[in-house]
PDB file of N, CA and C in Angstrom:
ATOM      1  N   UNK A   1      11.970 -30.241  21.369  1.00  0.00           N
ATOM      2  CA  UNK A   1      12.678 -31.521  21.326  1.00  0.00           C
ATOM      3  C   UNK A   1      13.537 -31.542  20.069  1.00  0.00           C
ATOM      4  N   UNK A   2      14.718 -32.145  20.197  1.00  0.00           N
ATOM      5  CA  UNK A   2      15.587 -32.352  19.045  1.00  0.00           C
ATOM      6  C   UNK A   2      15.939 -33.843  18.958  1.00  0.00           C
ATOM      7  N   UNK A   3      16.677 -34.211  17.913  1.00  0.00           N
ATOM      8  CA  UNK A   3      16.985 -35.632  17.691  1.00  0.00           C
ATOM      9  C   UNK A   3      17.832 -36.220  18.825  1.00  0.00           C
ATOM     10  N   UNK A   4      18.722 -35.435  19.379  1.00  0.00           N
ATOM     11  CA  UNK A   4      19.572 -35.916  20.475  1.00  0.00           C
ATOM     12  C   UNK A   4      18.739 -36.260  21.704  1.00  0.00           C
ATOM     13  N   UNK A   5      17.813 -35.391  22.054  1.00  0.00           N
ATOM     14  CA  UNK A   5      16.945 -35.638  23.207  1.00  0.00           C
ATOM     15  C   UNK A   5      16.040 -36.844  22.952  1.00  0.00           C
ATOM     16  N   UNK A   6      15.494 -36.945  21.746  1.00  0.00           N
ATOM     17  CA  UNK A   6      14.631 -38.081  21.411  1.00  0.00           C
ATOM     18  C   UNK A   6      15.402 -39.396  21.546  1.00  0.00           C
ATOM     19  N   UNK A   7      16.622 -39.428  21.060  1.00  0.00           N
ATOM     20  CA  UNK A   7      17.454 -40.636  21.160  1.00  0.00           C
ATOM     21  C   UNK A   7      17.748 -40.976  22.617  1.00  0.00           C
ATOM     22  N   UNK A   8      18.065 -39.966  23.427  1.00  0.00           N
ATOM     23  CA  UNK A   8      18.337 -40.194  24.846  1.00  0.00           C
ATOM     24  C   UNK A   8      17.102 -40.749  25.551  1.00  0.00           C
ATOM     25  N   UNK A   9      15.934 -40.187  25.274  1.00  0.00           N
ATOM     26  CA  UNK A   9      14.701 -40.659  25.904  1.00  0.00           C
ATOM     27  C   UNK A   9      14.384 -42.096  25.493  1.00  0.00           C
ATOM     28  N   UNK A  10      14.572 -42.420  24.225  1.00  0.00           N
ATOM     29  CA  UNK A  10      14.334 -43.788  23.757  1.00  0.00           C
ATOM     30  C   UNK A  10      15.309 -44.766  24.419  1.00  0.00           C
ATOM     31  N   UNK A  11      16.567 -44.368  24.554  1.00  0.00           N
ATOM     32  CA  UNK A  11      17.552 -45.231  25.214  1.00  0.00           C
ATOM     33  C   UNK A  11      17.210 -45.421  26.686  1.00  0.00           C
ATOM     34  N   UNK A  12      16.765 -44.352  27.348  1.00  0.00           N
ATOM     35  CA  UNK A  12      16.369 -44.464  28.756  1.00  0.00           C
ATOM     36  C   UNK A  12      15.185 -45.411  28.915  1.00  0.00           C
ATOM     37  N   UNK A  13      14.242 -45.343  27.995  1.00  0.00           N
ATOM     38  CA  UNK A  13      13.082 -46.238  28.046  1.00  0.00           C
ATOM     39  C   UNK A  13      13.517 -47.683  27.806  1.00  0.00           C
ATOM     40  N   UNK A  14      14.364 -47.906  26.821  1.00  0.00           N
ATOM     41  CA  UNK A  14      14.875 -49.248  26.518  1.00  0.00           C
ATOM     42  C   UNK A  14      15.651 -49.826  27.689  1.00  0.00           C
ATOM     43  N   UNK A  15      16.461 -48.996  28.351  1.00  0.00           N
ATOM     44  CA  UNK A  15      17.326 -49.457  29.434  1.00  0.00           C
ATOM     45  C   UNK A  15      16.608 -49.570  30.774  1.00  0.00           C
ATOM     46  N   UNK A  16      15.332 -49.197  30.821  1.00  0.00           N
ATOM     47  CA  UNK A  16      14.565 -49.325  32.049  1.00  0.00           C
ATOM     48  C   UNK A  16      14.749 -48.175  33.034  1.00  0.00           C
ATOM     49  N   UNK A  17      15.412 -47.113  32.624  1.00  0.00           N
ATOM     50  CA  UNK A  17      15.586 -45.954  33.504  1.00  0.00           C
ATOM     51  C   UNK A  17      14.261 -45.224  33.718  1.00  0.00           C
ATOM     52  N   UNK A  18      13.390 -45.312  32.719  1.00  0.00           N
ATOM     53  CA  UNK A  18      12.030 -44.794  32.832  1.00  0.00           C
ATOM     54  C   UNK A  18      11.075 -45.886  32.370  1.00  0.00           C
ATOM     55  N   UNK A  19       9.867 -45.927  32.926  1.00  0.00           N
ATOM     56  CA  UNK A  19       8.937 -47.006  32.592  1.00  0.00           C
ATOM     57  C   UNK A  19       8.020 -46.657  31.427  1.00  0.00           C
ATOM     58  N   UNK A  20       7.795 -45.355  31.213  1.00  0.00           N
ATOM     59  CA  UNK A  20       6.996 -44.926  30.077  1.00  0.00           C
ATOM     60  C   UNK A  20       7.438 -43.540  29.664  1.00  0.00           C
ATOM     61  N   UNK A  21       7.075 -43.178  28.445  1.00  0.00           N
ATOM     62  CA  UNK A  21       7.522 -41.921  27.874  1.00  0.00           C
ATOM     63  C   UNK A  21       6.329 -41.223  27.241  1.00  0.00           C
ATOM     64  N   UNK A  22       6.040 -40.007  27.688  1.00  0.00           N
ATOM     65  CA  UNK A  22       4.944 -39.214  27.145  1.00  0.00           C
ATOM     66  C   UNK A  22       5.499 -38.252  26.110  1.00  0.00           C
ATOM     67  N   UNK A  23       5.002 -38.363  24.884  1.00  0.00           N
ATOM     68  CA  UNK A  23       5.402 -37.478  23.800  1.00  0.00           C
ATOM     69  C   UNK A  23       4.214 -36.587  23.455  1.00  0.00           C
ATOM     70  N   UNK A  24       4.448 -35.294  23.483  1.00  0.00           N
ATOM     71  CA  UNK A  24       3.401 -34.329  23.175  1.00  0.00           C
ATOM     72  C   UNK A  24       3.122 -34.310  21.679  1.00  0.00           C
ATOM     73  N   UNK A  25       1.911 -33.945  21.338  1.00  0.00           N
ATOM     74  CA  UNK A  25       1.461 -33.902  19.947  1.00  0.00           C
ATOM     75  C   UNK A  25       2.410 -33.093  19.059  1.00  0.00           C
ATOM     76  N   UNK A  26       2.876 -31.955  19.556  1.00  0.00           N
ATOM     77  CA  UNK A  26       3.729 -31.080  18.741  1.00  0.00           C
ATOM     78  C   UNK A  26       5.130 -31.659  18.515  1.00  0.00           C
ATOM     79  N   UNK A  27       5.554 -32.640  19.313  1.00  0.00           N
ATOM     80  CA  UNK A  27       6.873 -33.260  19.162  1.00  0.00           C
ATOM     81  C   UNK A  27       6.822 -34.582  18.411  1.00  0.00           C
ATOM     82  N   UNK A  28       5.637 -35.053  18.074  1.00  0.00           N
ATOM     83  CA  UNK A  28       5.477 -36.401  17.538  1.00  0.00           C
ATOM     84  C   UNK A  28       6.232 -36.631  16.235  1.00  0.00           C
ATOM     85  N   UNK A  29       6.114 -35.749  15.262  1.00  0.00           N
ATOM     86  CA  UNK A  29       6.726 -36.005  13.950  1.00  0.00           C
ATOM     87  C   UNK A  29       8.245 -36.125  14.042  1.00  0.00           C
ATOM     88  N   UNK A  30       8.882 -35.244  14.788  1.00  0.00           N
ATOM     89  CA  UNK A  30      10.326 -35.331  14.953  1.00  0.00           C
ATOM     90  C   UNK A  30      10.689 -36.599  15.724  1.00  0.00           C
ATOM     91  N   UNK A  31       9.961 -36.879  16.795  1.00  0.00           N
ATOM     92  CA  UNK A  31      10.229 -38.067  17.608  1.00  0.00           C
ATOM     93  C   UNK A  31      10.090 -39.340  16.777  1.00  0.00           C
ATOM     94  N   UNK A  32       9.026 -39.430  16.000  1.00  0.00           N
ATOM     95  CA  UNK A  32       8.794 -40.633  15.194  1.00  0.00           C
ATOM     96  C   UNK A  32       9.878 -40.821  14.137  1.00  0.00           C
ATOM     97  N   UNK A  33      10.366 -39.724  13.566  1.00  0.00           N
ATOM     98  CA  UNK A  33      11.432 -39.847  12.564  1.00  0.00           C
ATOM     99  C   UNK A  33      12.691 -40.462  13.168  1.00  0.00           C
ATOM    100  N   UNK A  34      12.949 -40.178  14.441  1.00  0.00           N
ATOM    101  CA  UNK A  34      14.090 -40.790  15.140  1.00  0.00           C
ATOM    102  C   UNK A  34      13.771 -42.247  15.464  1.00  0.00           C
ATOM    103  N   UNK A  35      12.565 -42.497  15.931  1.00  0.00           N
ATOM    104  CA  UNK A  35      12.160 -43.843  16.347  1.00  0.00           C
ATOM    105  C   UNK A  35      12.222 -44.856  15.202  1.00  0.00           C
ATOM    106  N   UNK A  36      11.712 -44.517  14.039  1.00  0.00           N
ATOM    107  CA  UNK A  36      11.634 -45.497  12.946  1.00  0.00           C
ATOM    108  C   UNK A  36      12.999 -45.845  12.354  1.00  0.00           C
ATOM    109  N   UNK A  37      14.018 -45.061  12.646  1.00  0.00           N
ATOM    110  CA  UNK A  37      15.374 -45.360  12.161  1.00  0.00           C
ATOM    111  C   UNK A  37      16.098 -46.375  13.041  1.00  0.00           C
ATOM    112  N   UNK A  38      15.553 -46.673  14.203  1.00  0.00           N
ATOM    113  CA  UNK A  38      16.209 -47.568  15.159  1.00  0.00           C
ATOM    114  C   UNK A  38      16.027 -49.034  14.768  1.00  0.00           C
ATOM    115  N   UNK A  39      17.041 -49.842  15.082  1.00  0.00           N
ATOM    116  CA  UNK A  39      16.959 -51.282  14.824  1.00  0.00           C
ATOM    117  C   UNK A  39      15.919 -51.949  15.717  1.00  0.00           C
ATOM    118  N   UNK A  40      15.698 -51.410  16.917  1.00  0.00           N
ATOM    119  CA  UNK A  40      14.741 -52.001  17.854  1.00  0.00           C
ATOM    120  C   UNK A  40      13.378 -51.299  17.804  1.00  0.00           C
ATOM    121  N   UNK A  41      13.047 -50.714  16.677  1.00  0.00           N
ATOM    122  CA  UNK A  41      11.800 -49.975  16.476  1.00  0.00           C
ATOM    123  C   UNK A  41      10.567 -50.752  16.920  1.00  0.00           C
ATOM    124  N   UNK A  42      10.524 -52.026  16.612  1.00  0.00           N
ATOM    125  CA  UNK A  42       9.325 -52.826  16.907  1.00  0.00           C
ATOM    126  C   UNK A  42       9.179 -53.195  18.379  1.00  0.00           C
ATOM    127  N   UNK A  43      10.142 -52.832  19.187  1.00  0.00           N
ATOM    128  CA  UNK A  43      10.039 -53.071  20.628  1.00  0.00           C
ATOM    129  C   UNK A  43       9.282 -51.956  21.333  1.00  0.00           C
ATOM    130  N   UNK A  44       9.081 -50.847  20.649  1.00  0.00           N
ATOM    131  CA  UNK A  44       8.395 -49.700  21.238  1.00  0.00           C
ATOM    132  C   UNK A  44       6.924 -49.728  20.848  1.00  0.00           C
ATOM    133  N   UNK A  45       6.065 -49.521  21.842  1.00  0.00           N
ATOM    134  CA  UNK A  45       4.622 -49.497  21.587  1.00  0.00           C
ATOM    135  C   UNK A  45       4.093 -48.143  22.042  1.00  0.00           C
ATOM    136  N   UNK A  46       3.435 -47.462  21.126  1.00  0.00           N
ATOM    137  CA  UNK A  46       2.846 -46.171  21.441  1.00  0.00           C
ATOM    138  C   UNK A  46       1.345 -46.283  21.561  1.00  0.00           C
ATOM    139  N   UNK A  47       0.801 -45.654  22.590  1.00  0.00           N
ATOM    140  CA  UNK A  47      -0.640 -45.659  22.808  1.00  0.00           C
ATOM    141  C   UNK A  47      -1.117 -44.215  22.744  1.00  0.00           C
ATOM    142  N   UNK A  48      -1.974 -43.927  21.767  1.00  0.00           N
ATOM    143  CA  UNK A  48      -2.478 -42.569  21.573  1.00  0.00           C
ATOM    144  C   UNK A  48      -3.431 -42.190  22.701  1.00  0.00           C
ATOM    145  N   UNK A  49      -3.330 -40.941  23.115  1.00  0.00           N
ATOM    146  CA  UNK A  49      -4.177 -40.385  24.163  1.00  0.00           C
ATOM    147  C   UNK A  49      -5.102 -39.339  23.551  1.00  0.00           C
ATOM    148  N   UNK A  50      -6.099 -38.963  24.285  1.00  0.00           N
ATOM    149  CA  UNK A  50      -6.944 -37.864  23.841  1.00  0.00           C
ATOM    150  C   UNK A  50      -6.122 -36.599  23.735  1.00  0.00           C
ATOM    151  N   UNK A  51      -6.345 -35.860  22.683  1.00  0.00           N
ATOM    152  CA  UNK A  51      -5.604 -34.623  22.489  1.00  0.00           C
ATOM    153  C   UNK A  51      -4.367 -34.790  21.623  1.00  0.00           C
ATOM    154  N   UNK A  52      -4.022 -36.021  21.262  1.00  0.00           N
ATOM    155  CA  UNK A  52      -2.911 -36.251  20.344  1.00  0.00           C
ATOM    156  C   UNK A  52      -1.586 -36.631  20.975  1.00  0.00           C
ATOM    157  N   UNK A  53      -1.501 -36.673  22.297  1.00  0.00           N
ATOM    158  CA  UNK A  53      -0.265 -37.109  22.944  1.00  0.00           C
ATOM    159  C   UNK A  53      -0.156 -38.635  22.853  1.00  0.00           C
ATOM    160  N   UNK A  54       1.067 -39.150  22.979  1.00  0.00           N
ATOM    161  CA  UNK A  54       1.301 -40.594  22.886  1.00  0.00           C
ATOM    162  C   UNK A  54       2.154 -41.037  24.063  1.00  0.00           C
ATOM    163  N   UNK A  55       1.786 -42.165  24.650  1.00  0.00           N
ATOM    164  CA  UNK A  55       2.582 -42.769  25.715  1.00  0.00           C
ATOM    165  C   UNK A  55       3.264 -44.009  25.136  1.00  0.00           C
ATOM    166  N   UNK A  56       4.593 -44.037  25.244  1.00  0.00           N
ATOM    167  CA  UNK A  56       5.380 -45.153  24.729  1.00  0.00           C
ATOM    168  C   UNK A  56       5.854 -46.046  25.863  1.00  0.00           C
ATOM    169  N   UNK A  57       5.861 -47.344  25.580  1.00  0.00           N
ATOM    170  CA  UNK A  57       6.426 -48.356  26.474  1.00  0.00           C
ATOM    171  C   UNK A  57       7.411 -49.186  25.658  1.00  0.00           C
ATOM    172  N   UNK A  58       8.366 -49.794  26.352  1.00  0.00           N
ATOM    173  CA  UNK A  58       9.310 -50.701  25.700  1.00  0.00           C
ATOM    174  C   UNK A  58       8.926 -52.124  26.052  1.00  0.00           C
ATOM    175  N   UNK A  59       8.826 -52.960  25.029  1.00  0.00           N
ATOM    176  CA  UNK A  59       8.464 -54.372  25.228  1.00  0.00           C
ATOM    177  C   UNK A  59       9.685 -55.239  24.957  1.00  0.00           C
ATOM    178  N   UNK A  60       9.883 -56.251  25.803  1.00  0.00           N
ATOM    179  CA  UNK A  60      11.010 -57.171  25.608  1.00  0.00           C
ATOM    180  C   UNK A  60      10.873 -57.950  24.302  1.00  0.00           C
ATOM    181  N   UNK A  61       9.643 -58.316  23.980  1.00  0.00           N
ATOM    182  CA  UNK A  61       9.378 -59.064  22.748  1.00  0.00           C
ATOM    183  C   UNK A  61       8.853 -58.105  21.698  1.00  0.00           C
ATOM    184  N   UNK A  62       9.445 -58.076  20.501  1.00  0.00           N
ATOM    185  CA  UNK A  62       8.979 -57.125  19.475  1.00  0.00           C
ATOM    186  C   UNK A  62       7.572 -57.462  18.981  1.00  0.00           C
ATOM    187  N   UNK A  63       6.858 -56.427  18.611  1.00  0.00           N
ATOM    188  CA  UNK A  63       5.523 -56.656  18.048  1.00  0.00           C
ATOM    189  C   UNK A  63       5.681 -57.188  16.630  1.00  0.00           C
ATOM    190  N   UNK A  64       4.650 -57.798  16.135  1.00  0.00           N
ATOM    191  CA  UNK A  64       4.743 -58.400  14.796  1.00  0.00           C
ATOM    192  C   UNK A  64       4.473 -57.421  13.707  1.00  0.00           C
TER     193      UNK A  64
END
């Protein structure tokens, strides 16, 4: 994964083209570095899975 792909996946999730996004453990650090730079960062919710993978969802209302 690279920053361009991470940005595209986040935009697809935000725009409703995909309902959830699975990020593998080995891609997490790069993905998170892209995610935290976004203005809508707090709209994304990640749920950790066994083994270190994370499933992200986009929420209409930002988390606190």
